[in-house]
Amino acid sequence: MMKYLKEDKKAKTKSFFLNSKKTFFTKEHIKFLEKFYKSKSTDVRICLHKNAKSNHHDMIILQQKKNFYKPHKHLKKGETYHIIKGSMICVLFKNNGEIKKTCKILKGDIFRTPINVFHTMIPLTKFVIYHESKRGPFLKKNDSIFPKWIGAYDRAKDIASLKNKIISYVNHEKI
């Protein structure tokens, strides 16, 4: 494991905190994320904030194209995504599950999700690495609200169908 990283054993996904002795994120950290992904075939993140109770969370996240990230919303906070490597689609949904808006974000682009709006991210490349910034602290209970309609997408076939529907929508949408 890379010097200056400490694993967060309580996290839902593989996560590391940047040790307070290292005050900035470098290309070496990107290489660590890529190497970790290639050896473990899993999503991984490096947290730049001190801990889960911090008032502001900054994370560098690697997510995979093969995974499905359930649509969700946060009642009192938005999220900002800044793409470092790869590309992804951010999808905003109406409360009934209908697509409200999509945004294809590429390396260097920044996207902010609105507060209290269902959204999801779909990596377009094998993996995407991005900086996520949002208000903390992370509250395990009620931090993310999942829509009732997402229950319809609990099988691999249904998830693939939804992803294809979104990608088709983006390809035909005039941005």
Protein backbone atom coordinates (compact mmCIF):
# COMPACT_ATOMS: atom_id res chain seq x y z
CA MET A 1 0.00 0.00 0.00
CA MET A 2 1.09 3.51 -0.77
CA LYS A 3 2.79 5.52 1.94
CA TYR A 4 0.51 8.18 3.46
CA LEU A 5 -2.70 6.16 2.93
CA LYS A 6 -4.67 4.58 5.74
CA GLU A 7 -7.48 2.12 4.95
CA ASP A 8 -10.96 2.93 6.26
CA LYS A 9 -12.09 -0.49 7.46
CA LYS A 10 -15.62 0.79 8.29
CA ALA A 11 -16.42 2.03 4.77
CA LYS A 12 -18.99 0.29 2.53
CA THR A 13 -16.59 0.40 -0.44
CA LYS A 14 -12.80 0.11 -0.44
CA SER A 15 -11.63 3.45 0.94
CA PHE A 16 -8.45 5.06 2.14
CA PHE A 17 -7.76 8.32 3.96
CA LEU A 18 -4.88 10.52 2.97
CA ASN A 19 -2.63 10.75 6.02
CA SER A 20 -2.44 14.27 7.49
CA LYS A 21 1.33 14.30 6.87
CA LYS A 22 0.62 14.36 3.13
CA THR A 23 -1.33 17.51 2.31
CA PHE A 24 -1.90 17.13 -1.40
CA PHE A 25 -3.02 14.58 -3.97
CA THR A 26 -0.60 13.67 -6.79
CA LYS A 27 -0.35 11.57 -9.97
CA GLU A 28 1.09 8.82 -7.77
CA HIS A 29 -2.31 8.54 -6.08
CA ILE A 30 -3.99 8.15 -9.48
CA LYS A 31 -1.52 5.36 -10.27
CA PHE A 32 -2.36 3.75 -6.92
CA LEU A 33 -6.11 3.82 -7.72
CA GLU A 34 -5.52 2.29 -11.16
CA LYS A 35 -3.18 -0.40 -9.82
CA PHE A 36 -5.59 -1.23 -7.00
CA TYR A 37 -8.47 -1.51 -9.48
CA LYS A 38 -6.46 -3.75 -11.82
CA SER A 39 -5.44 -6.11 -9.01
CA LYS A 40 -8.75 -6.22 -7.10
CA SER A 41 -11.28 -5.35 -9.85
CA THR A 42 -13.21 -3.16 -7.42
CA ASP A 43 -14.21 0.45 -6.96
CA VAL A 44 -11.87 2.40 -4.71
CA ARG A 45 -11.62 5.88 -3.24
CA ILE A 46 -9.12 8.10 -1.46
CA CYS A 47 -10.66 10.52 1.02
CA LEU A 48 -9.00 13.89 1.41
CA HIS A 49 -11.11 14.89 4.43
CA LYS A 50 -10.08 13.90 7.95
CA ASN A 51 -12.87 11.40 8.75
CA ALA A 52 -16.56 10.53 8.17
CA LYS A 53 -17.61 13.23 10.65
CA SER A 54 -15.89 16.05 8.71
CA ASN A 55 -18.17 18.92 7.64
CA HIS A 56 -16.90 18.79 4.05
CA HIS A 57 -16.00 15.66 2.10
CA ASP A 58 -13.54 15.54 -0.79
CA MET A 59 -12.88 12.16 -2.39
CA ILE A 60 -11.04 10.91 -5.44
CA ILE A 61 -13.12 7.98 -6.67
CA LEU A 62 -12.55 5.24 -9.23
CA GLN A 63 -15.79 3.62 -10.47
CA GLN A 64 -16.21 0.92 -13.10
CA LYS A 65 -18.36 0.82 -16.21
CA LYS A 66 -19.56 -2.69 -15.34
CA ASN A 67 -21.18 -1.57 -12.08
CA PHE A 68 -24.60 -0.03 -11.51
CA TYR A 69 -24.87 2.92 -9.15
CA LYS A 70 -28.42 3.16 -7.84
CA PRO A 71 -30.21 6.45 -8.40
CA HIS A 72 -30.47 8.37 -5.14
CA LYS A 73 -30.87 11.86 -3.76
CA HIS A 74 -29.73 13.87 -0.78
CA LEU A 75 -32.30 16.07 0.91
CA LYS A 76 -29.92 18.81 2.02
CA LYS A 77 -26.83 18.63 -0.17
CA GLY A 78 -25.67 18.46 -3.75
CA GLU A 79 -22.51 16.85 -5.07
CA THR A 80 -19.85 18.21 -7.40
CA TYR A 81 -17.99 15.89 -9.78
CA HIS A 82 -14.74 16.90 -11.52
CA ILE A 83 -13.52 14.30 -14.02
CA ILE A 84 -9.81 13.43 -13.77
CA LYS A 85 -9.67 10.44 -16.13
CA GLY A 86 -12.28 8.80 -18.37
CA SER A 87 -15.85 9.98 -18.82
CA MET A 88 -19.31 9.39 -17.38
CA ILE A 89 -22.92 10.40 -17.71
CA CYS A 90 -24.75 12.07 -14.86
CA VAL A 91 -28.49 11.48 -15.03
CA LEU A 92 -31.13 13.51 -13.22
CA PHE A 93 -34.54 11.92 -12.75
CA LYS A 94 -38.02 13.22 -12.04
CA ASN A 95 -39.58 11.75 -8.91
CA ASN A 96 -41.50 9.22 -11.05
CA GLY A 97 -38.27 7.84 -12.58
CA GLU A 98 -38.55 9.61 -15.92
CA ILE A 99 -35.26 11.06 -17.17
CA LYS A 100 -35.23 14.80 -16.53
CA LYS A 101 -31.76 15.63 -17.84
CA THR A 102 -28.48 13.97 -18.73
CA CYS A 103 -25.00 15.39 -18.89
CA LYS A 104 -22.02 13.67 -20.48
CA ILE A 105 -18.94 14.80 -18.58
CA LEU A 106 -15.45 14.35 -19.92
CA LYS A 107 -11.94 14.74 -18.51
CA GLY A 108 -11.66 18.25 -17.04
CA ASP A 109 -15.44 18.84 -16.91
CA ILE A 110 -17.27 19.71 -13.70
CA PHE A 111 -20.90 18.86 -12.91
CA ARG A 112 -22.98 19.73 -9.84
CA THR A 113 -26.07 17.73 -8.88
CA PRO A 114 -29.00 19.73 -7.53
CA ILE A 115 -30.22 19.25 -3.99
CA ASN A 116 -33.15 16.84 -3.49
CA VAL A 117 -33.06 15.42 -7.06
CA PHE A 118 -32.64 11.73 -7.87
CA HIS A 119 -29.42 11.16 -9.81
CA THR A 120 -26.96 8.49 -10.86
CA MET A 121 -23.63 8.23 -12.61
CA ILE A 122 -22.80 5.84 -15.42
CA PRO A 123 -19.12 5.46 -16.37
CA LEU A 124 -18.70 5.41 -20.15
CA THR A 125 -15.09 4.26 -20.13
CA LYS A 126 -13.81 1.02 -18.54
CA PHE A 127 -13.40 3.10 -15.39
CA VAL A 128 -13.67 6.76 -14.50
CA ILE A 129 -11.69 8.66 -11.88
CA TYR A 130 -13.24 11.82 -10.50
CA HIS A 131 -13.09 14.24 -7.61
CA GLU A 132 -16.33 14.35 -5.63
CA SER A 133 -16.96 17.22 -3.27
CA LYS A 134 -19.97 17.52 -0.98
CA ARG A 135 -21.15 18.70 2.39
CA GLY A 136 -20.55 16.32 5.29
CA PRO A 137 -20.73 14.69 7.65
CA PHE A 138 -21.63 11.34 6.16
CA LEU A 139 -24.74 10.15 7.92
CA LYS A 140 -25.24 6.43 7.51
CA LYS A 141 -28.96 6.70 8.15
CA ASN A 142 -30.98 8.70 5.60
CA ASP A 143 -27.90 10.17 3.89
CA SER A 144 -29.01 8.75 0.55
CA ILE A 145 -32.69 8.41 -0.31
CA PHE A 146 -33.49 5.74 -2.92
CA PRO A 147 -36.61 6.03 -5.08
CA LYS A 148 -39.39 3.43 -4.85
CA TRP A 149 -39.22 2.90 -8.63
CA ILE A 150 -35.63 1.64 -8.44
CA GLY A 151 -36.94 -1.65 -7.04
CA ALA A 152 -37.86 -2.49 -10.63
CA TYR A 153 -34.16 -2.59 -11.48
CA ASP A 154 -32.90 -5.33 -9.22
CA ARG A 155 -31.92 -7.90 -11.87
CA ALA A 156 -28.88 -7.70 -14.15
CA LYS A 157 -31.11 -7.73 -17.24
CA ASP A 158 -33.18 -4.79 -15.96
CA ILE A 159 -30.09 -2.83 -14.97
CA ALA A 160 -28.53 -3.34 -18.41
CA SER A 161 -31.80 -2.19 -19.97
CA LEU A 162 -31.85 1.00 -17.89
CA LYS A 163 -28.19 1.75 -18.69
CA ASN A 164 -28.82 1.22 -22.42
CA LYS A 165 -31.93 3.43 -22.25
CA ILE A 166 -29.91 6.23 -20.65
CA ILE A 167 -27.00 5.93 -23.09
CA SER A 168 -29.44 5.92 -26.03
CA TYR A 169 -31.17 8.98 -24.56
CA VAL A 170 -27.84 10.81 -24.27
CA ASN A 171 -26.82 9.88 -27.81
CA HIS A 172 -30.07 11.36 -29.20
CA GLU A 173 -30.26 14.38 -26.88
CA LYS A 174 -29.15 17.74 -28.21
CA ILE A 175 -26.77 19.22 -25.64
